[in-house]
């Protein structure tokens, strides 16, 4: 649930800043597909790691490198782990 709310808030913020075209929204959507910007790890890659047994943020980091940079994505990773249980 937290991830969906975060996506919604990012899209609304982009709209408030003037994003109006489909192309602009597609660019925002592509940014939202990334779980970890530092290591360029997608949400799908994190989900696959969790499905393959990574049940902690640290294990997801070992499998994908997500969360091993600045750490700002650890909340998203944790949400994905909780949603997949």
C-alpha atoms as a PDB file:
ATOM      1  CA  UNK A   1       0.000   0.000   0.000  1.00  0.00           C
ATOM      2  CA  UNK A   2       2.842   2.383   0.799  1.00  0.00           C
ATOM      3  CA  UNK A   3       4.350   2.005  -2.670  1.00  0.00           C
ATOM      4  CA  UNK A   4       1.070   2.836  -4.416  1.00  0.00           C
ATOM      5  CA  UNK A   5       0.622   5.919  -2.238  1.00  0.00           C
ATOM      6  CA  UNK A   6       4.181   6.997  -3.017  1.00  0.00           C
ATOM      7  CA  UNK A   7       3.557   6.608  -6.766  1.00  0.00           C
ATOM      8  CA  UNK A   8       0.349   8.595  -6.494  1.00  0.00           C
ATOM      9  CA  UNK A   9       2.060  11.409  -4.600  1.00  0.00           C
ATOM     10  CA  UNK A  10       4.924  11.602  -7.109  1.00  0.00           C
ATOM     11  CA  UNK A  11       2.544  11.767 -10.045  1.00  0.00           C
ATOM     12  CA  UNK A  12       0.403  14.426  -8.339  1.00  0.00           C
ATOM     13  CA  UNK A  13       3.530  16.449  -7.535  1.00  0.00           C
ATOM     14  CA  UNK A  14       4.627  16.223 -11.173  1.00  0.00           C
ATOM     15  CA  UNK A  15       1.198  17.368 -12.297  1.00  0.00           C
ATOM     16  CA  UNK A  16       1.330  20.278  -9.871  1.00  0.00           C
ATOM     17  CA  UNK A  17       4.662  21.271 -11.379  1.00  0.00           C
ATOM     18  CA  UNK A  18       3.190  21.393 -14.861  1.00  0.00           C
ATOM     19  CA  UNK A  19       3.347  17.866 -16.284  1.00  0.00           C
ATOM     20  CA  UNK A  20       0.402  17.660 -18.627  1.00  0.00           C
ATOM     21  CA  UNK A  21       1.201  15.502 -21.638  1.00  0.00           C
ATOM     22  CA  UNK A  22       1.128  11.742 -21.975  1.00  0.00           C
ATOM     23  CA  UNK A  23       4.825  11.783 -22.895  1.00  0.00           C
ATOM     24  CA  UNK A  24       5.688  13.651 -19.710  1.00  0.00           C
ATOM     25  CA  UNK A  25       3.650  11.225 -17.634  1.00  0.00           C
ATOM     26  CA  UNK A  26       5.328   8.255 -19.335  1.00  0.00           C
ATOM     27  CA  UNK A  27       8.692   9.683 -18.310  1.00  0.00           C
ATOM     28  CA  UNK A  28       7.452   9.945 -14.720  1.00  0.00           C
ATOM     29  CA  UNK A  29       6.159   6.357 -14.888  1.00  0.00           C
ATOM     30  CA  UNK A  30       9.556   5.111 -16.039  1.00  0.00           C
ATOM     31  CA  UNK A  31      11.182   6.846 -13.082  1.00  0.00           C
ATOM     32  CA  UNK A  32       8.665   5.221 -10.758  1.00  0.00           C
ATOM     33  CA  UNK A  33       9.568   1.749 -12.041  1.00  0.00           C
ATOM     34  CA  UNK A  34      12.970   2.102 -10.381  1.00  0.00           C
ATOM     35  CA  UNK A  35      13.144   0.915  -6.804  1.00  0.00           C
ATOM     36  CA  UNK A  36      16.760   2.036  -6.409  1.00  0.00           C
ATOM     37  CA  UNK A  37      18.049   4.949  -8.451  1.00  0.00           C
ATOM     38  CA  UNK A  38      21.627   4.679  -7.153  1.00  0.00           C
ATOM     39  CA  UNK A  39      22.078   1.141  -8.438  1.00  0.00           C
ATOM     40  CA  UNK A  40      19.454   1.351 -11.212  1.00  0.00           C
ATOM     41  CA  UNK A  41      17.424  -1.573  -9.869  1.00  0.00           C
ATOM     42  CA  UNK A  42      13.813  -1.897 -10.975  1.00  0.00           C
ATOM     43  CA  UNK A  43      10.873  -2.790  -8.795  1.00  0.00           C
ATOM     44  CA  UNK A  44      10.478  -5.958 -10.873  1.00  0.00           C
ATOM     45  CA  UNK A  45      14.037  -7.020 -10.005  1.00  0.00           C
ATOM     46  CA  UNK A  46      13.350  -6.498  -6.306  1.00  0.00           C
ATOM     47  CA  UNK A  47      10.093  -8.463  -6.550  1.00  0.00           C
ATOM     48  CA  UNK A  48      11.920 -11.341  -8.269  1.00  0.00           C
ATOM     49  CA  UNK A  49      14.569 -11.366  -5.550  1.00  0.00           C
ATOM     50  CA  UNK A  50      11.858 -11.526  -2.878  1.00  0.00           C
ATOM     51  CA  UNK A  51      10.054 -14.305  -4.746  1.00  0.00           C
ATOM     52  CA  UNK A  52      13.382 -16.176  -4.849  1.00  0.00           C
ATOM     53  CA  UNK A  53      13.724 -16.027  -1.071  1.00  0.00           C
ATOM     54  CA  UNK A  54      15.218 -12.632  -0.210  1.00  0.00           C
ATOM     55  CA  UNK A  55      13.123 -11.875   2.886  1.00  0.00           C
ATOM     56  CA  UNK A  56      15.066  -8.917   4.302  1.00  0.00           C
ATOM     57  CA  UNK A  57      16.286  -5.619   2.890  1.00  0.00           C
ATOM     58  CA  UNK A  58      19.857  -6.851   3.312  1.00  0.00           C
ATOM     59  CA  UNK A  59      19.190 -10.049   1.336  1.00  0.00           C
ATOM     60  CA  UNK A  60      17.544  -8.040  -1.446  1.00  0.00           C
ATOM     61  CA  UNK A  61      20.668  -5.869  -1.467  1.00  0.00           C
ATOM     62  CA  UNK A  62      22.889  -8.922  -1.776  1.00  0.00           C
ATOM     63  CA  UNK A  63      20.806 -10.237  -4.677  1.00  0.00           C
ATOM     64  CA  UNK A  64      20.261  -6.966  -6.569  1.00  0.00           C
ATOM     65  CA  UNK A  65      22.489  -4.258  -5.021  1.00  0.00           C
ATOM     66  CA  UNK A  66      19.309  -2.247  -4.277  1.00  0.00           C
ATOM     67  CA  UNK A  67      19.575  -0.394  -0.981  1.00  0.00           C
ATOM     68  CA  UNK A  68      23.372  -0.545  -0.902  1.00  0.00           C
ATOM     69  CA  UNK A  69      23.934   3.036  -2.054  1.00  0.00           C
ATOM     70  CA  UNK A  70      22.368   5.984  -0.268  1.00  0.00           C
ATOM     71  CA  UNK A  71      19.699   3.807   1.383  1.00  0.00           C
ATOM     72  CA  UNK A  72      16.715   5.994   0.524  1.00  0.00           C
ATOM     73  CA  UNK A  73      15.010   3.063  -1.219  1.00  0.00           C
ATOM     74  CA  UNK A  74      15.078   0.776   1.814  1.00  0.00           C
ATOM     75  CA  UNK A  75      11.502   1.762   2.674  1.00  0.00           C
ATOM     76  CA  UNK A  76      10.284   0.757  -0.777  1.00  0.00           C
ATOM     77  CA  UNK A  77      12.180  -2.535  -0.558  1.00  0.00           C
ATOM     78  CA  UNK A  78      10.681  -3.196   2.862  1.00  0.00           C
ATOM     79  CA  UNK A  79       7.178  -2.479   1.496  1.00  0.00           C
ATOM     80  CA  UNK A  80       7.719  -4.938  -1.350  1.00  0.00           C
ATOM     81  CA  UNK A  81       8.889  -7.626   1.091  1.00  0.00           C
ATOM     82  CA  UNK A  82       5.832  -7.064   3.309  1.00  0.00           C
ATOM     83  CA  UNK A  83       3.441  -7.114   0.339  1.00  0.00           C
ATOM     84  CA  UNK A  84       4.875 -10.407  -0.942  1.00  0.00           C
ATOM     85  CA  UNK A  85       4.462 -12.285   2.373  1.00  0.00           C
END
